C-alpha atoms as a PDB file:
ATOM      1  CA  MET A   1      49.788   2.039  -1.115  1.00  0.00           C
ATOM      2  CA  GLY A   2      52.701   0.449   0.764  1.00  0.00           C
ATOM      3  CA  ALA A   3      51.737  -3.097  -0.202  1.00  0.00           C
ATOM      4  CA  SER A   4      51.345  -2.092  -3.834  1.00  0.00           C
ATOM      5  CA  PHE A   5      54.754  -0.408  -3.888  1.00  0.00           C
ATOM      6  CA  LEU A   6      56.364  -3.427  -2.207  1.00  0.00           C
ATOM      7  CA  GLY A   7      54.760  -5.768  -4.727  1.00  0.00           C
ATOM      8  CA  ASP A   8      56.034  -3.700  -7.657  1.00  0.00           C
ATOM      9  CA  PHE A   9      59.498  -3.524  -6.103  1.00  0.00           C
ATOM     10  CA  LEU A  10      59.661  -7.294  -5.570  1.00  0.00           C
ATOM     11  CA  MET A  11      58.529  -7.925  -9.165  1.00  0.00           C
ATOM     12  CA  LEU A  12      61.276  -5.596 -10.443  1.00  0.00           C
ATOM     13  CA  LEU A  13      63.859  -7.271  -8.199  1.00  0.00           C
ATOM     14  CA  GLU A  14      62.806 -10.696  -9.448  1.00  0.00           C
ATOM     15  CA  TYR A  15      63.122  -9.517 -13.064  1.00  0.00           C
ATOM     16  CA  LEU A  16      66.592  -8.064 -12.488  1.00  0.00           C
ATOM     17  CA  CYS A  17      67.751 -11.303 -10.896  1.00  0.00           C
ATOM     18  CA  ARG A  18      66.482 -13.309 -13.868  1.00  0.00           C
ATOM     19  CA  MET A  19      67.747 -10.971 -16.544  1.00  0.00           C
ATOM     20  CA  SER A  20      70.573 -12.203 -18.736  1.00  0.00           C
ATOM     21  CA  ASP A  21      72.593 -10.548 -21.481  1.00  0.00           C
ATOM     22  CA  PHE A  22      70.798 -12.516 -24.190  1.00  0.00           C
ATOM     23  CA  VAL A  23      69.041 -10.815 -27.071  1.00  0.00           C
ATOM     24  CA  ILE A  24      66.181 -13.010 -28.288  1.00  0.00           C
ATOM     25  CA  CYS A  25      65.201 -12.568 -31.937  1.00  0.00           C
ATOM     26  CA  ILE A  26      61.751 -13.815 -32.955  1.00  0.00           C
ATOM     27  CA  GLY A  27      60.587 -14.213 -36.543  1.00  0.00           C
ATOM     28  CA  ALA A  28      61.616 -15.347 -39.990  1.00  0.00           C
ATOM     29  CA  SER A  29      64.719 -17.364 -40.762  1.00  0.00           C
ATOM     30  CA  LEU A  30      64.619 -18.264 -44.450  1.00  0.00           C
ATOM     31  CA  VAL A  31      66.599 -19.457 -47.424  1.00  0.00           C
ATOM     32  CA  ASP A  32      67.303 -16.390 -49.561  1.00  0.00           C
ATOM     33  CA  GLU A  33      67.479 -16.860 -53.320  1.00  0.00           C
ATOM     34  CA  ILE A  34      68.771 -13.667 -54.910  1.00  0.00           C
ATOM     35  CA  PHE A  35      68.680 -13.100 -58.673  1.00  0.00           C
ATOM     36  CA  TYR A  36      71.048 -10.466 -60.054  1.00  0.00           C
ATOM     37  CA  CYS A  37      69.697  -9.233 -63.400  1.00  0.00           C
ATOM     38  CA  LYS A  38      72.292  -8.698 -66.114  1.00  0.00           C
ATOM     39  CA  GLU A  39      70.191  -5.950 -67.704  1.00  0.00           C
ATOM     40  CA  LYS A  40      67.447  -3.702 -66.389  1.00  0.00           C
ATOM     41  CA  ALA A  41      64.550  -5.974 -65.391  1.00  0.00           C
ATOM     42  CA  ILE A  42      61.385  -5.792 -67.480  1.00  0.00           C
ATOM     43  CA  VAL A  43      58.009  -6.838 -66.102  1.00  0.00           C
ATOM     44  CA  ALA A  44      56.019  -9.747 -67.619  1.00  0.00           C
ATOM     45  CA  THR A  45      58.931 -11.323 -69.456  1.00  0.00           C
ATOM     46  CA  SER A  46      61.980 -13.492 -68.751  1.00  0.00           C
ATOM     47  CA  ASN A  47      65.075 -11.586 -67.591  1.00  0.00           C
ATOM     48  CA  PRO A  48      68.618 -13.057 -67.808  1.00  0.00           C
ATOM     49  CA  ALA A  49      70.257 -13.202 -64.384  1.00  0.00           C
ATOM     50  CA  ASN A  50      72.820 -14.858 -62.131  1.00  0.00           C
ATOM     51  CA  SER A  51      71.641 -16.250 -58.797  1.00  0.00           C
ATOM     52  CA  GLU A  52      73.053 -17.072 -55.368  1.00  0.00           C
ATOM     53  CA  ARG A  53      71.671 -18.690 -52.226  1.00  0.00           C
ATOM     54  CA  PHE A  54      72.154 -17.325 -48.711  1.00  0.00           C
ATOM     55  CA  ALA A  55      70.919 -17.956 -45.183  1.00  0.00           C
ATOM     56  CA  GLY A  56      68.434 -15.132 -44.686  1.00  0.00           C
ATOM     57  CA  GLY A  57      65.123 -13.972 -43.268  1.00  0.00           C
ATOM     58  CA  VAL A  58      64.819 -10.771 -41.219  1.00  0.00           C
ATOM     59  CA  MET A  59      65.461 -12.338 -37.820  1.00  0.00           C
ATOM     60  CA  GLY A  60      67.917 -14.831 -39.263  1.00  0.00           C
ATOM     61  CA  ASN A  61      69.942 -11.908 -40.636  1.00  0.00           C
ATOM     62  CA  ILE A  62      69.754  -9.814 -37.468  1.00  0.00           C
ATOM     63  CA  SER A  63      70.573 -12.684 -35.095  1.00  0.00           C
ATOM     64  CA  ARG A  64      73.516 -13.895 -37.177  1.00  0.00           C
ATOM     65  CA  MET A  65      74.968 -10.392 -37.455  1.00  0.00           C
ATOM     66  CA  LEU A  66      74.655  -9.838 -33.708  1.00  0.00           C
ATOM     67  CA  ALA A  67      76.411 -13.151 -33.057  1.00  0.00           C
ATOM     68  CA  HIS A  68      79.267 -12.163 -35.393  1.00  0.00           C
ATOM     69  CA  LEU A  69      79.603  -8.955 -33.353  1.00  0.00           C
ATOM     70  CA  GLY A  70      80.006 -10.971 -30.166  1.00  0.00           C
ATOM     71  CA  LEU A  71      76.554 -10.630 -28.595  1.00  0.00           C
ATOM     72  CA  PRO A  72      74.847 -13.607 -26.915  1.00  0.00           C
ATOM     73  CA  VAL A  73      71.832 -14.298 -29.134  1.00  0.00           C
ATOM     74  CA  LYS A  74      68.958 -16.762 -29.251  1.00  0.00           C
ATOM     75  CA  LEU A  75      66.787 -17.182 -32.324  1.00  0.00           C
ATOM     76  CA  ILE A  76      63.151 -18.273 -32.247  1.00  0.00           C
ATOM     77  CA  SER A  77      62.025 -19.250 -35.727  1.00  0.00           C
ATOM     78  CA  VAL A  78      60.510 -22.099 -37.755  1.00  0.00           C
ATOM     79  CA  LEU A  79      62.405 -24.466 -40.036  1.00  0.00           C
ATOM     80  CA  GLY A  80      61.026 -27.290 -42.160  1.00  0.00           C
ATOM     81  CA  ASP A  81      62.259 -30.883 -41.962  1.00  0.00           C
ATOM     82  CA  ASP A  82      63.657 -30.735 -45.483  1.00  0.00           C
ATOM     83  CA  ALA A  83      67.221 -30.411 -46.776  1.00  0.00           C
ATOM     84  CA  ASP A  84      66.898 -26.602 -46.824  1.00  0.00           C
ATOM     85  CA  GLY A  85      66.015 -26.657 -43.125  1.00  0.00           C
ATOM     86  CA  GLN A  86      69.044 -28.768 -42.234  1.00  0.00           C
ATOM     87  CA  TRP A  87      71.329 -26.525 -44.294  1.00  0.00           C
ATOM     88  CA  LEU A  88      69.889 -23.366 -42.758  1.00  0.00           C
ATOM     89  CA  LYS A  89      70.208 -24.636 -39.189  1.00  0.00           C
ATOM     90  CA  THR A  90      73.861 -25.516 -39.850  1.00  0.00           C
ATOM     91  CA  GLU A  91      74.476 -22.007 -41.215  1.00  0.00           C
ATOM     92  CA  LEU A  92      72.827 -20.440 -38.167  1.00  0.00           C
ATOM     93  CA  LYS A  93      74.928 -22.492 -35.762  1.00  0.00           C
ATOM     94  CA  LYS A  94      78.107 -21.520 -37.616  1.00  0.00           C
ATOM     95  CA  SER A  95      77.464 -17.930 -36.567  1.00  0.00           C
ATOM     96  CA  GLY A  96      77.580 -18.914 -32.893  1.00  0.00           C
ATOM     97  CA  LEU A  97      73.981 -18.102 -32.020  1.00  0.00           C
ATOM     98  CA  HIS A  98      71.801 -20.380 -29.879  1.00  0.00           C
ATOM     99  CA  THR A  99      69.178 -22.401 -31.773  1.00  0.00           C
ATOM    100  CA  ASP A 100      67.656 -24.412 -28.907  1.00  0.00           C
ATOM    101  CA  LEU A 101      64.403 -22.410 -29.141  1.00  0.00           C
ATOM    102  CA  MET A 102      63.968 -23.056 -32.868  1.00  0.00           C
ATOM    103  CA  MET A 103      60.858 -24.942 -33.991  1.00  0.00           C
ATOM    104  CA  GLN A 104      61.016 -27.643 -36.632  1.00  0.00           C
ATOM    105  CA  THR A 105      57.893 -28.647 -38.523  1.00  0.00           C
ATOM    106  CA  VAL A 106      56.911 -31.080 -41.241  1.00  0.00           C
ATOM    107  CA  GLY A 107      57.137 -29.488 -44.650  1.00  0.00           C
ATOM    108  CA  ALA A 108      59.201 -26.996 -46.579  1.00  0.00           C
ATOM    109  CA  THR A 109      61.496 -24.394 -45.039  1.00  0.00           C
ATOM    110  CA  GLY A 110      60.501 -20.811 -45.779  1.00  0.00           C
ATOM    111  CA  LYS A 111      62.055 -19.004 -48.724  1.00  0.00           C
ATOM    112  CA  TYR A 112      62.637 -15.432 -49.790  1.00  0.00           C
ATOM    113  CA  ALA A 113      63.297 -14.721 -53.458  1.00  0.00           C
ATOM    114  CA  SER A 114      64.417 -11.318 -54.693  1.00  0.00           C
ATOM    115  CA  ILE A 115      65.104  -9.959 -58.169  1.00  0.00           C
ATOM    116  CA  LEU A 116      67.648  -7.143 -58.221  1.00  0.00           C
ATOM    117  CA  GLN A 117      68.399  -4.614 -60.916  1.00  0.00           C
ATOM    118  CA  PRO A 118      71.986  -4.406 -62.257  1.00  0.00           C
ATOM    119  CA  ASP A 119      72.639  -1.506 -59.845  1.00  0.00           C
ATOM    120  CA  GLY A 120      71.731  -3.712 -56.841  1.00  0.00           C
ATOM    121  CA  SER A 121      68.345  -2.119 -56.127  1.00  0.00           C
ATOM    122  CA  MET A 122      65.294  -4.332 -55.638  1.00  0.00           C
ATOM    123  CA  PHE A 123      62.918  -4.901 -58.556  1.00  0.00           C
ATOM    124  CA  VAL A 124      60.553  -7.233 -56.687  1.00  0.00           C
ATOM    125  CA  SER A 125      60.667  -9.876 -53.965  1.00  0.00           C
ATOM    126  CA  VAL A 126      58.394 -12.588 -52.551  1.00  0.00           C
ATOM    127  CA  CYS A 127      58.394 -14.566 -49.318  1.00  0.00           C
ATOM    128  CA  SER A 128      56.845 -17.845 -48.138  1.00  0.00           C
ATOM    129  CA  ASP A 129      57.132 -19.098 -44.547  1.00  0.00           C
ATOM    130  CA  GLN A 130      55.173 -20.649 -41.669  1.00  0.00           C
ATOM    131  CA  ASN A 131      56.217 -18.384 -38.799  1.00  0.00           C
ATOM    132  CA  ASP A 132      52.819 -16.692 -38.661  1.00  0.00           C
ATOM    133  CA  LEU A 133      51.059 -20.065 -38.307  1.00  0.00           C
ATOM    134  CA  LEU A 134      53.315 -21.779 -35.773  1.00  0.00           C
ATOM    135  CA  LEU A 135      54.811 -19.069 -33.535  1.00  0.00           C
ATOM    136  CA  THR A 136      51.579 -18.561 -31.620  1.00  0.00           C
ATOM    137  CA  PRO A 137      50.750 -17.137 -28.169  1.00  0.00           C
ATOM    138  CA  ALA A 138      50.439 -20.725 -26.903  1.00  0.00           C
ATOM    139  CA  PHE A 139      54.018 -21.407 -28.029  1.00  0.00           C
ATOM    140  CA  PHE A 140      55.319 -18.255 -26.311  1.00  0.00           C
ATOM    141  CA  ILE A 141      53.488 -19.108 -23.069  1.00  0.00           C
ATOM    142  CA  GLY A 142      55.436 -22.369 -23.024  1.00  0.00           C
ATOM    143  CA  ILE A 143      58.776 -20.478 -23.084  1.00  0.00           C
ATOM    144  CA  GLU A 144      57.807 -17.512 -20.899  1.00  0.00           C
ATOM    145  CA  ASN A 145      60.711 -18.025 -18.506  1.00  0.00           C
ATOM    146  CA  GLU A 146      63.190 -17.816 -21.390  1.00  0.00           C
ATOM    147  CA  LEU A 147      61.565 -14.615 -22.614  1.00  0.00           C
ATOM    148  CA  LYS A 148      61.548 -13.099 -19.123  1.00  0.00           C
ATOM    149  CA  SER A 149      65.291 -13.637 -18.828  1.00  0.00           C
ATOM    150  CA  ALA A 150      66.139 -11.728 -22.029  1.00  0.00           C
ATOM    151  CA  LYS A 151      67.882  -8.373 -22.030  1.00  0.00           C
ATOM    152  CA  MET A 152      65.910  -7.477 -25.165  1.00  0.00           C
ATOM    153  CA  LEU A 153      63.336  -9.021 -27.497  1.00  0.00           C
ATOM    154  CA  VAL A 154      63.342  -8.257 -31.226  1.00  0.00           C
ATOM    155  CA  ALA A 155      60.362  -9.400 -33.315  1.00  0.00           C
ATOM    156  CA  ASP A 156      59.358  -8.984 -36.944  1.00  0.00           C
ATOM    157  CA  ALA A 157      55.986  -8.565 -38.632  1.00  0.00           C
ATOM    158  CA  ASN A 158      56.281 -11.984 -40.252  1.00  0.00           C
ATOM    159  CA  LEU A 159      54.512 -13.081 -37.046  1.00  0.00           C
ATOM    160  CA  SER A 160      50.733 -13.131 -36.805  1.00  0.00           C
ATOM    161  CA  VAL A 161      48.798 -10.230 -35.301  1.00  0.00           C
ATOM    162  CA  ASP A 162      47.882 -12.447 -32.307  1.00  0.00           C
ATOM    163  CA  ALA A 163      51.537 -13.268 -31.673  1.00  0.00           C
ATOM    164  CA  LEU A 164      52.578  -9.612 -31.932  1.00  0.00           C
ATOM    165  CA  VAL A 165      49.779  -8.570 -29.564  1.00  0.00           C
ATOM    166  CA  TRP A 166      50.950 -11.199 -27.068  1.00  0.00           C
ATOM    167  CA  LEU A 167      54.570 -10.050 -27.250  1.00  0.00           C
ATOM    168  CA  CYS A 168      53.581  -6.399 -26.767  1.00  0.00           C
ATOM    169  CA  ASP A 169      51.478  -7.339 -23.735  1.00  0.00           C
ATOM    170  CA  PHE A 170      54.329  -9.481 -22.373  1.00  0.00           C
ATOM    171  CA  SER A 171      56.758  -6.577 -22.725  1.00  0.00           C
ATOM    172  CA  ARG A 172      54.275  -4.278 -20.997  1.00  0.00           C
ATOM    173  CA  ARG A 173      53.768  -6.696 -18.087  1.00  0.00           C
ATOM    174  CA  PHE A 174      57.365  -7.705 -17.444  1.00  0.00           C
ATOM    175  CA  GLY A 175      59.359  -4.701 -18.662  1.00  0.00           C
ATOM    176  CA  VAL A 176      61.496  -6.597 -21.173  1.00  0.00           C
ATOM    177  CA  PRO A 177      62.357  -4.123 -23.985  1.00  0.00           C
ATOM    178  CA  LEU A 178      60.725  -5.064 -27.300  1.00  0.00           C
ATOM    179  CA  ILE A 179      61.764  -3.833 -30.758  1.00  0.00           C
ATOM    180  CA  LEU A 180      59.385  -4.351 -33.692  1.00  0.00           C
ATOM    181  CA  GLU A 181      60.634  -4.537 -37.294  1.00  0.00           C
ATOM    182  CA  PRO A 182      57.774  -3.992 -39.819  1.00  0.00           C
ATOM    183  CA  VAL A 183      59.533  -6.005 -42.609  1.00  0.00           C
ATOM    184  CA  SER A 184      57.529  -4.792 -45.624  1.00  0.00           C
ATOM    185  CA  VAL A 185      54.758  -2.454 -46.748  1.00  0.00           C
ATOM    186  CA  THR A 186      52.166  -5.235 -46.669  1.00  0.00           C
ATOM    187  CA  LYS A 187      53.238  -6.752 -43.348  1.00  0.00           C
ATOM    188  CA  ALA A 188      53.561  -3.361 -41.648  1.00  0.00           C
ATOM    189  CA  ARG A 189      49.757  -3.042 -41.804  1.00  0.00           C
ATOM    190  CA  LYS A 190      49.525  -5.638 -39.018  1.00  0.00           C
ATOM    191  CA  LEU A 191      51.026  -3.121 -36.602  1.00  0.00           C
ATOM    192  CA  ALA A 192      48.118  -0.731 -37.136  1.00  0.00           C
ATOM    193  CA  GLN A 193      45.936  -3.262 -35.264  1.00  0.00           C
ATOM    194  CA  ILE A 194      48.131  -3.404 -32.157  1.00  0.00           C
ATOM    195  CA  ASN A 195      48.475  -1.345 -28.983  1.00  0.00           C
ATOM    196  CA  LEU A 196      52.086  -0.155 -29.266  1.00  0.00           C
ATOM    197  CA  ASP A 197      52.278   1.871 -26.057  1.00  0.00           C
ATOM    198  CA  ALA A 198      54.938  -0.354 -24.448  1.00  0.00           C
ATOM    199  CA  VAL A 199      57.127  -0.867 -27.507  1.00  0.00           C
ATOM    200  CA  PHE A 200      60.756   0.108 -26.931  1.00  0.00           C
ATOM    201  CA  MET A 201      61.384   0.929 -30.603  1.00  0.00           C
ATOM    202  CA  ILE A 202      59.821   0.470 -34.028  1.00  0.00           C
ATOM    203  CA  THR A 203      61.867   0.684 -37.240  1.00  0.00           C
ATOM    204  CA  PRO A 204      59.849   1.345 -40.432  1.00  0.00           C
ATOM    205  CA  ASN A 205      61.065   2.835 -43.666  1.00  0.00           C
ATOM    206  CA  LEU A 206      58.963   5.645 -45.132  1.00  0.00           C
ATOM    207  CA  GLU A 207      56.745   3.339 -47.209  1.00  0.00           C
ATOM    208  CA  GLU A 208      56.112   1.005 -44.261  1.00  0.00           C
ATOM    209  CA  LEU A 209      55.293   3.963 -42.026  1.00  0.00           C
ATOM    210  CA  GLU A 210      52.719   5.238 -44.515  1.00  0.00           C
ATOM    211  CA  SER A 211      51.248   1.746 -44.831  1.00  0.00           C
ATOM    212  CA  MET A 212      50.693   1.511 -41.083  1.00  0.00           C
ATOM    213  CA  PHE A 213      48.626   4.690 -41.052  1.00  0.00           C
ATOM    214  CA  LEU A 214      47.158   4.710 -44.529  1.00  0.00           C
ATOM    215  CA  ASP A 215      43.660   5.555 -43.309  1.00  0.00           C
ATOM    216  CA  LYS A 216      44.802   8.195 -40.810  1.00  0.00           C
ATOM    217  CA  SER A 217      47.278  10.457 -42.553  1.00  0.00           C
ATOM    218  CA  ASN A 218      48.476  11.764 -45.874  1.00  0.00           C
ATOM    219  CA  SER A 219      52.082  12.619 -45.153  1.00  0.00           C
ATOM    220  CA  GLY A 220      55.191  11.211 -43.559  1.00  0.00           C
ATOM    221  CA  LYS A 221      55.053  13.872 -40.838  1.00  0.00           C
ATOM    222  CA  ASP A 222      51.478  12.943 -39.920  1.00  0.00           C
ATOM    223  CA  SER A 223      52.409   9.249 -39.817  1.00  0.00           C
ATOM    224  CA  LYS A 224      55.334   9.939 -37.490  1.00  0.00           C
ATOM    225  CA  ASP A 225      53.050  11.979 -35.235  1.00  0.00           C
ATOM    226  CA  HIS A 226      50.448   9.192 -35.129  1.00  0.00           C
ATOM    227  CA  LEU A 227      53.054   6.596 -34.218  1.00  0.00           C
ATOM    228  CA  ILE A 228      54.638   8.762 -31.526  1.00  0.00           C
ATOM    229  CA  GLN A 229      51.207   9.545 -30.072  1.00  0.00           C
ATOM    230  CA  SER A 230      50.496   5.808 -29.895  1.00  0.00           C
ATOM    231  CA  GLY A 231      53.088   5.581 -27.112  1.00  0.00           C
ATOM    232  CA  VAL A 232      56.062   4.026 -28.890  1.00  0.00           C
ATOM    233  CA  LYS A 233      59.157   5.012 -26.913  1.00  0.00           C
ATOM    234  CA  ARG A 234      61.532   5.264 -29.890  1.00  0.00           C
ATOM    235  CA  LEU A 235      60.876   5.708 -33.578  1.00  0.00           C
ATOM    236  CA  TRP A 236      63.546   5.089 -36.206  1.00  0.00           C
ATOM    237  CA  VAL A 237      62.491   5.854 -39.783  1.00  0.00           C
ATOM    238  CA  ARG A 238      64.917   4.664 -42.481  1.00  0.00           C
ATOM    239  CA  MET A 239      64.854   6.937 -45.531  1.00  0.00           C
ATOM    240  CA  GLY A 240      67.344   5.282 -47.885  1.00  0.00           C
ATOM    241  CA  GLU A 241      69.726   7.769 -49.461  1.00  0.00           C
ATOM    242  CA  GLN A 242      68.213  10.515 -47.286  1.00  0.00           C
ATOM    243  CA  GLY A 243      69.495   8.811 -44.130  1.00  0.00           C
ATOM    244  CA  SER A 244      67.510   8.344 -40.927  1.00  0.00           C
ATOM    245  CA  PHE A 245      65.044  10.139 -38.701  1.00  0.00           C
ATOM    246  CA  PHE A 246      65.213   9.101 -35.035  1.00  0.00           C
ATOM    247  CA  LYS A 247      63.046  10.158 -32.105  1.00  0.00           C
ATOM    248  CA  SER A 248      63.496   9.209 -28.462  1.00  0.00           C
ATOM    249  CA  GLY A 249      61.422  10.992 -25.831  1.00  0.00           C
ATOM    250  CA  ASN A 250      61.558  14.721 -26.469  1.00  0.00           C
ATOM    251  CA  GLU A 251      64.680  14.462 -28.630  1.00  0.00           C
ATOM    252  CA  ASN A 252      64.806  13.846 -32.349  1.00  0.00           C
ATOM    253  CA  TRP A 253      67.492  14.139 -34.963  1.00  0.00           C
ATOM    254  CA  GLN A 254      68.419  13.100 -38.486  1.00  0.00           C
ATOM    255  CA  LEU A 255      71.577  11.394 -39.678  1.00  0.00           C
ATOM    256  CA  SER A 256      72.720  11.530 -43.292  1.00  0.00           C
ATOM    257  CA  ALA A 257      73.382   8.317 -45.167  1.00  0.00           C
ATOM    258  CA  ILE A 258      76.992   7.280 -45.708  1.00  0.00           C
ATOM    259  CA  PRO A 259      77.909   7.537 -49.429  1.00  0.00           C
ATOM    260  CA  THR A 260      77.898   3.952 -50.670  1.00  0.00           C
ATOM    261  CA  LYS A 261      78.490   2.110 -53.927  1.00  0.00           C
ATOM    262  CA  LEU A 262      75.504  -0.245 -54.011  1.00  0.00           C
ATOM    263  CA  VAL A 263      76.077  -3.915 -54.815  1.00  0.00           C
ATOM    264  CA  ASP A 264      73.079  -5.623 -53.171  1.00  0.00           C
ATOM    265  CA  SER A 265      70.268  -3.932 -51.235  1.00  0.00           C
ATOM    266  CA  THR A 266      69.194  -7.163 -49.518  1.00  0.00           C
ATOM    267  CA  GLY A 267      69.166  -6.922 -45.733  1.00  0.00           C
ATOM    268  CA  ALA A 268      70.434  -3.359 -45.355  1.00  0.00           C
ATOM    269  CA  GLY A 269      67.666  -2.519 -42.892  1.00  0.00           C
ATOM    270  CA  ASP A 270      68.357  -5.729 -40.956  1.00  0.00           C
ATOM    271  CA  ALA A 271      72.036  -4.802 -40.726  1.00  0.00           C
ATOM    272  CA  ALA A 272      71.189  -1.280 -39.552  1.00  0.00           C
ATOM    273  CA  LEU A 273      69.035  -2.641 -36.737  1.00  0.00           C
ATOM    274  CA  ALA A 274      71.711  -5.161 -35.748  1.00  0.00           C
ATOM    275  CA  GLY A 275      74.250  -2.328 -35.535  1.00  0.00           C
ATOM    276  CA  TRP A 276      71.924  -0.269 -33.345  1.00  0.00           C
ATOM    277  CA  ILE A 277      71.223  -3.190 -31.008  1.00  0.00           C
ATOM    278  CA  ALA A 278      74.923  -4.016 -30.737  1.00  0.00           C
ATOM    279  CA  GLY A 279      75.623  -0.446 -29.634  1.00  0.00           C
ATOM    280  CA  TRP A 280      72.732  -0.426 -27.164  1.00  0.00           C
ATOM    281  CA  HIS A 281      73.917  -3.732 -25.707  1.00  0.00           C
ATOM    282  CA  LYS A 282      77.301  -2.109 -25.048  1.00  0.00           C
ATOM    283  CA  GLY A 283      75.678   0.871 -23.321  1.00  0.00           C
ATOM    284  CA  TRP A 284      76.404   3.435 -26.055  1.00  0.00           C
ATOM    285  CA  SER A 285      74.395   6.628 -26.441  1.00  0.00           C
ATOM    286  CA  GLU A 286      71.431   6.489 -28.807  1.00  0.00           C
ATOM    287  CA  ALA A 287      73.181   8.894 -31.186  1.00  0.00           C
ATOM    288  CA  LEU A 288      76.171   6.542 -31.348  1.00  0.00           C
ATOM    289  CA  CYS A 289      73.868   3.534 -31.763  1.00  0.00           C
ATOM    290  CA  LEU A 290      72.335   5.267 -34.789  1.00  0.00           C
ATOM    291  CA  LYS A 291      75.781   5.837 -36.304  1.00  0.00           C
ATOM    292  CA  ALA A 292      76.621   2.198 -35.646  1.00  0.00           C
ATOM    293  CA  GLY A 293      73.485   1.175 -37.527  1.00  0.00           C
ATOM    294  CA  HIS A 294      74.409   3.368 -40.501  1.00  0.00           C
ATOM    295  CA  VAL A 295      77.918   1.890 -40.593  1.00  0.00           C
ATOM    296  CA  LEU A 296      76.725  -1.715 -40.641  1.00  0.00           C
ATOM    297  CA  ALA A 297      74.138  -0.961 -43.336  1.00  0.00           C
ATOM    298  CA  HIS A 298      76.896   0.755 -45.352  1.00  0.00           C
ATOM    299  CA  VAL A 299      79.049  -2.391 -45.150  1.00  0.00           C
ATOM    300  CA  THR A 300      76.177  -4.683 -46.105  1.00  0.00           C
ATOM    301  CA  LEU A 301      75.125  -2.658 -49.138  1.00  0.00           C
ATOM    302  CA  GLN A 302      78.589  -3.148 -50.629  1.00  0.00           C
ATOM    303  CA  GLN A 303      78.480  -6.959 -50.678  1.00  0.00           C
ATOM    304  CA  LYS A 304      76.283  -9.796 -51.863  1.00  0.00           C
ATOM    305  CA  GLY A 305      74.100 -11.253 -49.115  1.00  0.00           C
ATOM    306  CA  ALA A 306      72.549  -9.699 -46.036  1.00  0.00           C
ATOM    307  CA  VAL A 307      75.133 -10.573 -43.362  1.00  0.00           C
ATOM    308  CA  ALA A 308      78.680  -9.181 -43.239  1.00  0.00           C
ATOM    309  CA  LYS A 309      80.249 -12.410 -41.965  1.00  0.00           C
ATOM    310  CA  HIS A 310      83.746 -10.946 -42.143  1.00  0.00           C
ATOM    311  CA  MET A 311      82.867  -8.243 -39.609  1.00  0.00           C
ATOM    312  CA  ASN A 312      83.732  -8.844 -35.948  1.00  0.00           C
ATOM    313  CA  GLU A 313      83.385  -6.596 -32.902  1.00  0.00           C
ATOM    314  CA  ASN A 314      86.807  -4.950 -33.155  1.00  0.00           C
ATOM    315  CA  GLN A 315      86.520  -4.311 -36.889  1.00  0.00           C
ATOM    316  CA  PHE A 316      83.050  -2.860 -36.350  1.00  0.00           C
ATOM    317  CA  ILE A 317      84.253  -0.394 -33.718  1.00  0.00           C
ATOM    318  CA  SER A 318      87.281   0.580 -35.824  1.00  0.00           C
ATOM    319  CA  LEU A 319      85.088   1.275 -38.840  1.00  0.00           C
ATOM    320  CA  ILE A 320      82.734   3.441 -36.780  1.00  0.00           C
ATOM    321  CA  GLN A 321      85.730   5.439 -35.577  1.00  0.00           C
ATOM    322  CA  LYS A 322      87.010   5.784 -39.138  1.00  0.00           C
ATOM    323  CA  ILE A 323      83.707   7.038 -40.562  1.00  0.00           C
ATOM    324  CA  TYR A 324      82.692   9.082 -37.512  1.00  0.00           C
ATOM    325  CA  PRO A 325      86.008  10.247 -35.897  1.00  0.00           C
ATOM    326  CA  ASP A 326      84.162  12.059 -33.102  1.00  0.00           C
ATOM    327  CA  ALA A 327      81.836   9.127 -32.316  1.00  0.00           C
ATOM    328  CA  PHE A 328      83.530   7.970 -29.094  1.00  0.00           C
END
């Protein structure tokens, strides 16, 4: 009993000594090509549109936004050796995040293409990348010491099931908080195959939540119950214009969405998660972190592109205070 307790204590002490302030984001960093339809998009025909290119990808968006807010961030992702890869790496470095853990491979850099309706809502999107093939358990074993030193890990479901299983087991063994972002309805199904009992937080929207438990439930409430019973410590369900549902331990609450004039829906969920993490990193309450997430999503929805590059730490805090006067 005594030896076991001493061993656990020494392992915790070793972890605390290693721990840094870095947030490590793991997953897709892509070139985003966004098409803004001039009229309501019609399926199976050509639609007139304007287009723009951005640095994107779920983890590319989250890591860049965190860096703009002043957090120390490392990004683990895959870039090709093409011109797109060079351009994307330059854009990532401009944000101030650390790219020394990035992997470069022969071939094309991943892309995300989205077609938006004139009101800024998504009509359809597609994604092509190699993160699921190259960010493997063997790769993570080679950088275990880096992962052990993180204050938090954030991973997306662009990774393979094997990689996600490894990260969950790593978090369970070493106590490094892990957030999982489901990404999309299709990719969220991967999480149904994984033991989530050590996950710090998972962040689906309603459709992704249903997709994870399609064979086990018929309602959003049942899906939430299944996920909570699986052992996830925090559940944050994004519900669009209906706001958010958040559960942590025995507490749960809902927060209404901030009224917003939509310009571009790309990356709103990524921005919300970045806002939450930024608040958590500063030691804010979970209720305040949720408000911070809503504020950053609100800002992002009103602009083209998924990262509010004009937003710094002081502006972020001021905007939270403006929208939620009783927040601090």
